[in-house]
Amino acid sequence: MGHLGLTPQSIHQFGSYGLQGKGEEAAEKLIKEALMLQEA
């Protein structure tokens, strides 16, 4: 099972536990990666 959006193991990279996928570019990236994980 995959896990996208806020990924707690990357908390130091994110800098906070804030909302992810905000904005058109971030949303498109998340959708692309979701389809990629399904294909994998």
PDB file of all heavy atoms in Angstrom:
ATOM      1  N   MET A   1       0.859  -1.178   0.000  1.00  0.00           N
ATOM      2  CA  MET A   1       0.000   0.000   0.000  1.00  0.00           C
ATOM      3  C   MET A   1       0.898   1.231   0.000  1.00  0.00           C
ATOM      4  O   MET A   1       1.863   1.301   0.762  1.00  0.00           O
ATOM      5  CB  MET A   1      -0.933   0.026   1.220  1.00  0.00           C
ATOM      6  CG  MET A   1      -1.817   1.276   1.273  1.00  0.00           C
ATOM      7  SD  MET A   1      -3.105   1.210   2.549  1.00  0.00           S
ATOM      8  CE  MET A   1      -4.350   0.227   1.705  1.00  0.00           C
ATOM      9  N   GLY A   2       0.580   2.192  -0.867  1.00  0.00           N
ATOM     10  CA  GLY A   2       1.349   3.427  -0.921  1.00  0.00           C
ATOM     11  C   GLY A   2       0.819   4.462   0.060  1.00  0.00           C
ATOM     12  O   GLY A   2      -0.189   4.259   0.737  1.00  0.00           O
ATOM     13  N   HIS A   3       1.499   5.603   0.125  1.00  0.00           N
ATOM     14  CA  HIS A   3       1.129   6.663   1.077  1.00  0.00           C
ATOM     15  C   HIS A   3       1.637   7.990   0.521  1.00  0.00           C
ATOM     16  O   HIS A   3       2.846   8.196   0.408  1.00  0.00           O
ATOM     17  CB  HIS A   3       1.760   6.363   2.435  1.00  0.00           C
ATOM     18  CG  HIS A   3       1.357   7.297   3.531  1.00  0.00           C
ATOM     19  ND1 HIS A   3       1.255   6.898   4.851  1.00  0.00           N
ATOM     20  CD2 HIS A   3       1.036   8.619   3.538  1.00  0.00           C
ATOM     21  CE1 HIS A   3       0.891   7.924   5.594  1.00  0.00           C
ATOM     22  NE2 HIS A   3       0.773   8.988   4.820  1.00  0.00           N
ATOM     23  N   LEU A   4       0.706   8.878   0.174  1.00  0.00           N
ATOM     24  CA  LEU A   4       1.059  10.186  -0.378  1.00  0.00           C
ATOM     25  C   LEU A   4       0.409  11.301   0.438  1.00  0.00           C
ATOM     26  O   LEU A   4      -0.460  11.066   1.259  1.00  0.00           O
ATOM     27  CB  LEU A   4       0.600  10.286  -1.837  1.00  0.00           C
ATOM     28  CG  LEU A   4       1.287   9.385  -2.858  1.00  0.00           C
ATOM     29  CD1 LEU A   4       0.622   9.531  -4.226  1.00  0.00           C
ATOM     30  CD2 LEU A   4       2.781   9.687  -2.956  1.00  0.00           C
ATOM     31  N   GLY A   5       0.841  12.526   0.150  1.00  0.00           N
ATOM     32  CA  GLY A   5       0.363  13.687   0.896  1.00  0.00           C
ATOM     33  C   GLY A   5       1.342  13.988   1.996  1.00  0.00           C
ATOM     34  O   GLY A   5       2.557  14.098   1.766  1.00  0.00           O
ATOM     35  N   LEU A   6       0.842  14.124   3.217  1.00  0.00           N
ATOM     36  CA  LEU A   6       1.725  14.272   4.363  1.00  0.00           C
ATOM     37  C   LEU A   6       2.317  12.909   4.685  1.00  0.00           C
ATOM     38  O   LEU A   6       1.604  11.969   5.023  1.00  0.00           O
ATOM     39  CB  LEU A   6       0.959  14.802   5.574  1.00  0.00           C
ATOM     40  CG  LEU A   6       1.775  14.918   6.864  1.00  0.00           C
ATOM     41  CD1 LEU A   6       2.923  15.899   6.698  1.00  0.00           C
ATOM     42  CD2 LEU A   6       0.892  15.315   8.031  1.00  0.00           C
ATOM     43  N   THR A   7       3.622  12.803   4.562  1.00  0.00           N
ATOM     44  CA  THR A   7       4.318  11.555   4.875  1.00  0.00           C
ATOM     45  C   THR A   7       5.198  11.820   6.089  1.00  0.00           C
ATOM     46  O   THR A   7       6.259  12.435   5.972  1.00  0.00           O
ATOM     47  CB  THR A   7       5.157  11.081   3.669  1.00  0.00           C
ATOM     48  OG1 THR A   7       5.936  12.188   3.152  1.00  0.00           O
ATOM     49  CG2 THR A   7       4.249  10.583   2.548  1.00  0.00           C
ATOM     50  N   PRO A   8       4.765  11.372   7.281  1.00  0.00           N
ATOM     51  CA  PRO A   8       5.436  11.749   8.521  1.00  0.00           C
ATOM     52  C   PRO A   8       6.919  11.408   8.602  1.00  0.00           C
ATOM     53  O   PRO A   8       7.654  12.067   9.338  1.00  0.00           O
ATOM     54  CB  PRO A   8       4.633  10.980   9.578  1.00  0.00           C
ATOM     55  CG  PRO A   8       3.270  10.870   8.992  1.00  0.00           C
ATOM     56  CD  PRO A   8       3.503  10.644   7.523  1.00  0.00           C
ATOM     57  N   GLN A   9       7.362  10.391   7.865  1.00  0.00           N
ATOM     58  CA  GLN A   9       8.792  10.067   7.905  1.00  0.00           C
ATOM     59  C   GLN A   9       9.637  11.167   7.264  1.00  0.00           C
ATOM     60  O   GLN A   9      10.853  11.207   7.451  1.00  0.00           O
ATOM     61  CB  GLN A   9       9.044   8.727   7.204  1.00  0.00           C
ATOM     62  CG  GLN A   9       8.494   7.533   7.969  1.00  0.00           C
ATOM     63  CD  GLN A   9       8.751   6.217   7.265  1.00  0.00           C
ATOM     64  OE1 GLN A   9       9.529   6.147   6.314  1.00  0.00           O
ATOM     65  NE2 GLN A   9       8.101   5.155   7.719  1.00  0.00           N
ATOM     66  N   SER A  10       8.982  12.065   6.510  1.00  0.00           N
ATOM     67  CA  SER A  10       9.698  13.179   5.877  1.00  0.00           C
ATOM     68  C   SER A  10       9.448  14.499   6.604  1.00  0.00           C
ATOM     69  O   SER A  10       9.588  15.566   6.022  1.00  0.00           O
ATOM     70  CB  SER A  10       9.256  13.314   4.412  1.00  0.00           C
ATOM     71  OG  SER A  10       9.481  12.126   3.698  1.00  0.00           O
ATOM     72  N   ILE A  11       9.092  14.426   7.888  1.00  0.00           N
ATOM     73  CA  ILE A  11       8.697  15.617   8.623  1.00  0.00           C
ATOM     74  C   ILE A  11       9.783  16.683   8.642  1.00  0.00           C
ATOM     75  O   ILE A  11       9.508  17.879   8.549  1.00  0.00           O
ATOM     76  CB  ILE A  11       8.281  15.251  10.074  1.00  0.00           C
ATOM     77  CG1 ILE A  11       7.839  16.501  10.830  1.00  0.00           C
ATOM     78  CG2 ILE A  11       9.388  14.522  10.802  1.00  0.00           C
ATOM     79  CD1 ILE A  11       6.711  17.265  10.187  1.00  0.00           C
ATOM     80  N   HIS A  12      11.039  16.283   8.728  1.00  0.00           N
ATOM     81  CA  HIS A  12      12.108  17.283   8.783  1.00  0.00           C
ATOM     82  C   HIS A  12      12.295  17.976   7.435  1.00  0.00           C
ATOM     83  O   HIS A  12      12.761  19.118   7.371  1.00  0.00           O
ATOM     84  CB  HIS A  12      13.415  16.642   9.254  1.00  0.00           C
ATOM     85  CG  HIS A  12      13.355  16.149  10.663  1.00  0.00           C
ATOM     86  ND1 HIS A  12      12.947  16.946  11.709  1.00  0.00           N
ATOM     87  CD2 HIS A  12      13.634  14.934  11.203  1.00  0.00           C
ATOM     88  CE1 HIS A  12      12.986  16.250  12.841  1.00  0.00           C
ATOM     89  NE2 HIS A  12      13.397  15.025  12.548  1.00  0.00           N
ATOM     90  N   GLN A  13      11.908  17.299   6.366  1.00  0.00           N
ATOM     91  CA  GLN A  13      11.941  17.922   5.043  1.00  0.00           C
ATOM     92  C   GLN A  13      10.766  18.884   4.876  1.00  0.00           C
ATOM     93  O   GLN A  13      10.922  19.986   4.357  1.00  0.00           O
ATOM     94  CB  GLN A  13      11.902  16.854   3.956  1.00  0.00           C
ATOM     95  CG  GLN A  13      12.004  17.417   2.536  1.00  0.00           C
ATOM     96  CD  GLN A  13      11.988  16.323   1.482  1.00  0.00           C
ATOM     97  OE1 GLN A  13      11.345  15.283   1.666  1.00  0.00           O
ATOM     98  NE2 GLN A  13      12.692  16.526   0.395  1.00  0.00           N
ATOM     99  N   PHE A  14       9.581  18.470   5.348  1.00  0.00           N
ATOM    100  CA  PHE A  14       8.401  19.324   5.266  1.00  0.00           C
ATOM    101  C   PHE A  14       8.514  20.533   6.194  1.00  0.00           C
ATOM    102  O   PHE A  14       8.060  21.626   5.870  1.00  0.00           O
ATOM    103  CB  PHE A  14       7.135  18.538   5.639  1.00  0.00           C
ATOM    104  CG  PHE A  14       6.709  17.544   4.604  1.00  0.00           C
ATOM    105  CD1 PHE A  14       6.239  16.294   4.979  1.00  0.00           C
ATOM    106  CD2 PHE A  14       6.761  17.841   3.253  1.00  0.00           C
ATOM    107  CE1 PHE A  14       5.825  15.365   4.034  1.00  0.00           C
ATOM    108  CE2 PHE A  14       6.357  16.923   2.288  1.00  0.00           C
ATOM    109  CZ  PHE A  14       5.890  15.687   2.688  1.00  0.00           C
ATOM    110  N   GLY A  15       9.077  20.308   7.376  1.00  0.00           N
ATOM    111  CA  GLY A  15       9.201  21.390   8.350  1.00  0.00           C
ATOM    112  C   GLY A  15       8.006  21.527   9.268  1.00  0.00           C
ATOM    113  O   GLY A  15       8.068  22.222  10.281  1.00  0.00           O
ATOM    114  N   SER A  16       6.869  20.886   8.928  1.00  0.00           N
ATOM    115  CA  SER A  16       5.672  20.930   9.764  1.00  0.00           C
ATOM    116  C   SER A  16       4.724  19.832   9.301  1.00  0.00           C
ATOM    117  O   SER A  16       4.957  19.180   8.281  1.00  0.00           O
ATOM    118  CB  SER A  16       4.975  22.289   9.653  1.00  0.00           C
ATOM    119  OG  SER A  16       4.303  22.411   8.414  1.00  0.00           O
ATOM    120  N   TYR A  17       3.643  19.659  10.070  1.00  0.00           N
ATOM    121  CA  TYR A  17       2.634  18.678   9.710  1.00  0.00           C
ATOM    122  C   TYR A  17       1.461  19.340   9.000  1.00  0.00           C
ATOM    123  O   TYR A  17       0.308  18.935   9.152  1.00  0.00           O
ATOM    124  CB  TYR A  17       2.131  17.948  10.966  1.00  0.00           C
ATOM    125  CG  TYR A  17       3.153  17.015  11.578  1.00  0.00           C
ATOM    126  CD1 TYR A  17       3.852  17.386  12.726  1.00  0.00           C
ATOM    127  CD2 TYR A  17       3.422  15.769  11.013  1.00  0.00           C
ATOM    128  CE1 TYR A  17       4.789  16.530  13.302  1.00  0.00           C
ATOM    129  CE2 TYR A  17       4.357  14.917  11.573  1.00  0.00           C
ATOM    130  CZ  TYR A  17       5.038  15.305  12.722  1.00  0.00           C
ATOM    131  OH  TYR A  17       5.973  14.460  13.276  1.00  0.00           O
ATOM    132  N   GLY A  18       1.754  20.353   8.202  1.00  0.00           N
ATOM    133  CA  GLY A  18       0.721  21.126   7.533  1.00  0.00           C
ATOM    134  C   GLY A  18       0.095  20.422   6.343  1.00  0.00           C
ATOM    135  O   GLY A  18       0.530  19.352   5.902  1.00  0.00           O
ATOM    136  N   LEU A  19      -0.947  21.046   5.800  1.00  0.00           N
ATOM    137  CA  LEU A  19      -1.687  20.530   4.656  1.00  0.00           C
ATOM    138  C   LEU A  19      -0.779  20.413   3.438  1.00  0.00           C
ATOM    139  O   LEU A  19       0.006  21.318   3.140  1.00  0.00           O
ATOM    140  CB  LEU A  19      -2.862  21.463   4.347  1.00  0.00           C
ATOM    141  CG  LEU A  19      -3.867  20.997   3.295  1.00  0.00           C
ATOM    142  CD1 LEU A  19      -4.682  19.828   3.820  1.00  0.00           C
ATOM    143  CD2 LEU A  19      -4.797  22.156   2.920  1.00  0.00           C
ATOM    144  N   GLN A  20      -0.895  19.293   2.723  1.00  0.00           N
ATOM    145  CA  GLN A  20      -0.108  19.056   1.520  1.00  0.00           C
ATOM    146  C   GLN A  20      -1.013  19.111   0.282  1.00  0.00           C
ATOM    147  O   GLN A  20      -2.231  19.080   0.382  1.00  0.00           O
ATOM    148  CB  GLN A  20       0.581  17.690   1.601  1.00  0.00           C
ATOM    149  CG  GLN A  20       1.477  17.534   2.808  1.00  0.00           C
ATOM    150  CD  GLN A  20       2.631  18.523   2.823  1.00  0.00           C
ATOM    151  OE1 GLN A  20       3.347  18.678   1.829  1.00  0.00           O
ATOM    152  NE2 GLN A  20       2.819  19.201   3.942  1.00  0.00           N
ATOM    153  N   GLY A  21      -0.395  19.171  -0.898  1.00  0.00           N
ATOM    154  CA  GLY A  21      -1.151  19.173  -2.145  1.00  0.00           C
ATOM    155  C   GLY A  21      -1.873  20.476  -2.421  1.00  0.00           C
ATOM    156  O   GLY A  21      -2.828  20.516  -3.200  1.00  0.00           O
ATOM    157  N   LYS A  22      -1.422  21.546  -1.799  1.00  0.00           N
ATOM    158  CA  LYS A  22      -2.044  22.850  -2.034  1.00  0.00           C
ATOM    159  C   LYS A  22      -1.496  23.457  -3.325  1.00  0.00           C
ATOM    160  O   LYS A  22      -0.308  23.399  -3.594  1.00  0.00           O
ATOM    161  CB  LYS A  22      -1.767  23.792  -0.857  1.00  0.00           C
ATOM    162  CG  LYS A  22      -2.389  23.367   0.455  1.00  0.00           C
ATOM    163  CD  LYS A  22      -2.123  24.385   1.554  1.00  0.00           C
ATOM    164  CE  LYS A  22      -0.653  24.439   1.919  1.00  0.00           C
ATOM    165  NZ  LYS A  22      -0.403  25.359   3.056  1.00  0.00           N
ATOM    166  N   GLY A  23      -2.358  24.058  -4.115  1.00  0.00           N
ATOM    167  CA  GLY A  23      -1.935  24.675  -5.363  1.00  0.00           C
ATOM    168  C   GLY A  23      -1.984  23.704  -6.520  1.00  0.00           C
ATOM    169  O   GLY A  23      -1.908  22.474  -6.349  1.00  0.00           O
ATOM    170  N   GLU A  24      -2.112  24.244  -7.715  1.00  0.00           N
ATOM    171  CA  GLU A  24      -2.286  23.423  -8.914  1.00  0.00           C
ATOM    172  C   GLU A  24      -1.094  22.524  -9.177  1.00  0.00           C
ATOM    173  O   GLU A  24      -1.254  21.341  -9.515  1.00  0.00           O
ATOM    174  CB  GLU A  24      -2.545  24.338 -10.121  1.00  0.00           C
ATOM    175  CG  GLU A  24      -2.862  23.580 -11.399  1.00  0.00           C
ATOM    176  CD  GLU A  24      -3.189  24.508 -12.553  1.00  0.00           C
ATOM    177  OE1 GLU A  24      -3.441  25.708 -12.309  1.00  0.00           O
ATOM    178  OE2 GLU A  24      -3.201  24.031 -13.702  1.00  0.00           O
ATOM    179  N   GLU A  25       0.108  23.048  -9.038  1.00  0.00           N
ATOM    180  CA  GLU A  25       1.306  22.262  -9.330  1.00  0.00           C
ATOM    181  C   GLU A  25       1.450  21.089  -8.371  1.00  0.00           C
ATOM    182  O   GLU A  25       1.727  19.959  -8.785  1.00  0.00           O
ATOM    183  CB  GLU A  25       2.550  23.157  -9.247  1.00  0.00           C
ATOM    184  CG  GLU A  25       3.841  22.439  -9.610  1.00  0.00           C
ATOM    185  CD  GLU A  25       5.046  23.366  -9.591  1.00  0.00           C
ATOM    186  OE1 GLU A  25       4.860  24.601  -9.518  1.00  0.00           O
ATOM    187  OE2 GLU A  25       6.176  22.844  -9.646  1.00  0.00           O
ATOM    188  N   ALA A  26       1.239  21.353  -7.072  1.00  0.00           N
ATOM    189  CA  ALA A  26       1.351  20.285  -6.072  1.00  0.00           C
ATOM    190  C   ALA A  26       0.274  19.231  -6.270  1.00  0.00           C
ATOM    191  O   ALA A  26       0.521  18.028  -6.114  1.00  0.00           O
ATOM    192  CB  ALA A  26       1.268  20.879  -4.668  1.00  0.00           C
ATOM    193  N   ALA A  27      -0.923  19.680  -6.638  1.00  0.00           N
ATOM    194  CA  ALA A  27      -2.026  18.746  -6.859  1.00  0.00           C
ATOM    195  C   ALA A  27      -1.748  17.851  -8.059  1.00  0.00           C
ATOM    196  O   ALA A  27      -1.979  16.631  -8.010  1.00  0.00           O
ATOM    197  CB  ALA A  27      -3.329  19.517  -7.058  1.00  0.00           C
ATOM    198  N   GLU A  28      -1.267  18.439  -9.131  1.00  0.00           N
ATOM    199  CA  GLU A  28      -0.953  17.663 -10.329  1.00  0.00           C
ATOM    200  C   GLU A  28       0.143  16.636 -10.054  1.00  0.00           C
ATOM    201  O   GLU A  28       0.086  15.510 -10.548  1.00  0.00           O
ATOM    202  CB  GLU A  28      -0.536  18.604 -11.456  1.00  0.00           C
ATOM    203  CG  GLU A  28      -1.695  19.417 -12.037  1.00  0.00           C
ATOM    204  CD  GLU A  28      -1.261  20.327 -13.160  1.00  0.00           C
ATOM    205  OE1 GLU A  28      -0.042  20.360 -13.465  1.00  0.00           O
ATOM    206  OE2 GLU A  28      -2.123  21.021 -13.734  1.00  0.00           O
ATOM    207  N   LYS A  29       1.133  17.022  -9.250  1.00  0.00           N
ATOM    208  CA  LYS A  29       2.218  16.105  -8.902  1.00  0.00           C
ATOM    209  C   LYS A  29       1.679  14.929  -8.096  1.00  0.00           C
ATOM    210  O   LYS A  29       2.053  13.771  -8.334  1.00  0.00           O
ATOM    211  CB  LYS A  29       3.295  16.838  -8.096  1.00  0.00           C
ATOM    212  CG  LYS A  29       4.488  15.963  -7.693  1.00  0.00           C
ATOM    213  CD  LYS A  29       5.531  16.794  -6.954  1.00  0.00           C
ATOM    214  CE  LYS A  29       6.792  15.986  -6.650  1.00  0.00           C
ATOM    215  NZ  LYS A  29       6.543  14.889  -5.688  1.00  0.00           N
ATOM    216  N   LEU A  30       0.776  15.206  -7.167  1.00  0.00           N
ATOM    217  CA  LEU A  30       0.234  14.140  -6.339  1.00  0.00           C
ATOM    218  C   LEU A  30      -0.596  13.163  -7.169  1.00  0.00           C
ATOM    219  O   LEU A  30      -0.488  11.943  -7.002  1.00  0.00           O
ATOM    220  CB  LEU A  30      -0.593  14.730  -5.204  1.00  0.00           C
ATOM    221  CG  LEU A  30      -0.989  13.732  -4.100  1.00  0.00           C
ATOM    222  CD1 LEU A  30      -0.962  14.393  -2.735  1.00  0.00           C
ATOM    223  CD2 LEU A  30      -2.354  13.117  -4.358  1.00  0.00           C
ATOM    224  N   ILE A  31      -1.410  13.688  -8.076  1.00  0.00           N
ATOM    225  CA  ILE A  31      -2.212  12.819  -8.950  1.00  0.00           C
ATOM    226  C   ILE A  31      -1.309  11.957  -9.825  1.00  0.00           C
ATOM    227  O   ILE A  31      -1.534  10.751  -9.995  1.00  0.00           O
ATOM    228  CB  ILE A  31      -3.166  13.656  -9.813  1.00  0.00           C
ATOM    229  CG1 ILE A  31      -4.216  14.346  -8.940  1.00  0.00           C
ATOM    230  CG2 ILE A  31      -3.850  12.789 -10.870  1.00  0.00           C
ATOM    231  CD1 ILE A  31      -5.070  15.346  -9.679  1.00  0.00           C
ATOM    232  N   LYS A  32      -0.269  12.574 -10.376  1.00  0.00           N
ATOM    233  CA  LYS A  32       0.676  11.845 -11.218  1.00  0.00           C
ATOM    234  C   LYS A  32       1.328  10.705 -10.438  1.00  0.00           C
ATOM    235  O   LYS A  32       1.461   9.572 -10.943  1.00  0.00           O
ATOM    236  CB  LYS A  32       1.742  12.807 -11.754  1.00  0.00           C
ATOM    237  CG  LYS A  32       2.831  12.132 -12.576  1.00  0.00           C
ATOM    238  CD  LYS A  32       3.904  13.140 -12.990  1.00  0.00           C
ATOM    239  CE  LYS A  32       5.046  12.457 -13.730  1.00  0.00           C
ATOM    240  NZ  LYS A  32       6.125  13.423 -14.093  1.00  0.00           N
ATOM    241  N   GLU A  33       1.743  10.987  -9.207  1.00  0.00           N
ATOM    242  CA  GLU A  33       2.413   9.967  -8.411  1.00  0.00           C
ATOM    243  C   GLU A  33       1.435   8.877  -7.968  1.00  0.00           C
ATOM    244  O   GLU A  33       1.810   7.706  -7.865  1.00  0.00           O
ATOM    245  CB  GLU A  33       3.098  10.605  -7.204  1.00  0.00           C
ATOM    246  CG  GLU A  33       4.302  11.452  -7.588  1.00  0.00           C
ATOM    247  CD  GLU A  33       5.140  11.868  -6.406  1.00  0.00           C
ATOM    248  OE1 GLU A  33       4.562  12.269  -5.383  1.00  0.00           O
ATOM    249  OE2 GLU A  33       6.386  11.803  -6.508  1.00  0.00           O
ATOM    250  N   ALA A  34       0.182   9.249  -7.711  1.00  0.00           N
ATOM    251  CA  ALA A  34      -0.817   8.247  -7.351  1.00  0.00           C
ATOM    252  C   ALA A  34      -1.010   7.248  -8.490  1.00  0.00           C
ATOM    253  O   ALA A  34      -1.064   6.028  -8.271  1.00  0.00           O
ATOM    254  CB  ALA A  34      -2.133   8.937  -7.009  1.00  0.00           C
ATOM    255  N   LEU A  35      -1.111   7.752  -9.708  1.00  0.00           N
ATOM    256  CA  LEU A  35      -1.251   6.875 -10.867  1.00  0.00           C
ATOM    257  C   LEU A  35       0.005   6.027 -11.059  1.00  0.00           C
ATOM    258  O   LEU A  35      -0.067   4.854 -11.454  1.00  0.00           O
ATOM    259  CB  LEU A  35      -1.533   7.710 -12.113  1.00  0.00           C
ATOM    260  CG  LEU A  35      -2.907   8.392 -12.146  1.00  0.00           C
ATOM    261  CD1 LEU A  35      -2.971   9.419 -13.274  1.00  0.00           C
ATOM    262  CD2 LEU A  35      -4.021   7.349 -12.309  1.00  0.00           C
ATOM    263  N   MET A  36       1.140   6.606 -10.762  1.00  0.00           N
ATOM    264  CA  MET A  36       2.417   5.902 -10.873  1.00  0.00           C
ATOM    265  C   MET A  36       2.479   4.733  -9.881  1.00  0.00           C
ATOM    266  O   MET A  36       2.917   3.628 -10.226  1.00  0.00           O
ATOM    267  CB  MET A  36       3.556   6.894 -10.589  1.00  0.00           C
ATOM    268  CG  MET A  36       4.953   6.375 -10.842  1.00  0.00           C
ATOM    269  SD  MET A  36       6.186   7.645 -10.413  1.00  0.00           S
ATOM    270  CE  MET A  36       5.691   8.982 -11.506  1.00  0.00           C
ATOM    271  N   LEU A  37       2.009   4.958  -8.652  1.00  0.00           N
ATOM    272  CA  LEU A  37       2.028   3.903  -7.642  1.00  0.00           C
ATOM    273  C   LEU A  37       1.050   2.787  -8.006  1.00  0.00           C
ATOM    274  O   LEU A  37       1.331   1.606  -7.789  1.00  0.00           O
ATOM    275  CB  LEU A  37       1.678   4.482  -6.272  1.00  0.00           C
ATOM    276  CG  LEU A  37       2.690   5.476  -5.678  1.00  0.00           C
ATOM    277  CD1 LEU A  37       2.276   5.875  -4.262  1.00  0.00           C
ATOM    278  CD2 LEU A  37       4.102   4.910  -5.671  1.00  0.00           C
ATOM    279  N   GLN A  38      -0.087   3.163  -8.564  1.00  0.00           N
ATOM    280  CA  GLN A  38      -1.037   2.156  -9.028  1.00  0.00           C
ATOM    281  C   GLN A  38      -0.411   1.302 -10.125  1.00  0.00           C
ATOM    282  O   GLN A  38      -0.520   0.066 -10.103  1.00  0.00           O
ATOM    283  CB  GLN A  38      -2.308   2.830  -9.551  1.00  0.00           C
ATOM    284  CG  GLN A  38      -3.329   1.867 -10.123  1.00  0.00           C
ATOM    285  CD  GLN A  38      -4.600   2.567 -10.569  1.00  0.00           C
ATOM    286  OE1 GLN A  38      -5.583   2.594  -9.861  1.00  0.00           O
ATOM    287  NE2 GLN A  38      -4.573   3.158 -11.760  1.00  0.00           N
ATOM    288  N   GLU A  39       0.258   1.931 -11.056  1.00  0.00           N
ATOM    289  CA  GLU A  39       0.906   1.224 -12.156  1.00  0.00           C
ATOM    290  C   GLU A  39       2.022   0.314 -11.646  1.00  0.00           C
ATOM    291  O   GLU A  39       2.275  -0.758 -12.216  1.00  0.00           O
ATOM    292  CB  GLU A  39       1.474   2.229 -13.161  1.00  0.00           C
ATOM    293  CG  GLU A  39       2.140   1.606 -14.378  1.00  0.00           C
ATOM    294  CD  GLU A  39       1.175   0.855 -15.270  1.00  0.00           C
ATOM    295  OE1 GLU A  39      -0.043   1.142 -15.233  1.00  0.00           O
ATOM    296  OE2 GLU A  39       1.631  -0.035 -16.007  1.00  0.00           O
ATOM    297  N   ALA A  40       2.658   0.717 -10.546  1.00  0.00           N
ATOM    298  CA  ALA A  40       3.749  -0.077  -9.973  1.00  0.00           C
ATOM    299  C   ALA A  40       3.237  -1.295  -9.217  1.00  0.00           C
ATOM    300  O   ALA A  40       4.034  -2.129  -8.778  1.00  0.00           O
ATOM    301  CB  ALA A  40       4.590   0.793  -9.047  1.00  0.00           C
TER     302      ALA A  40
END
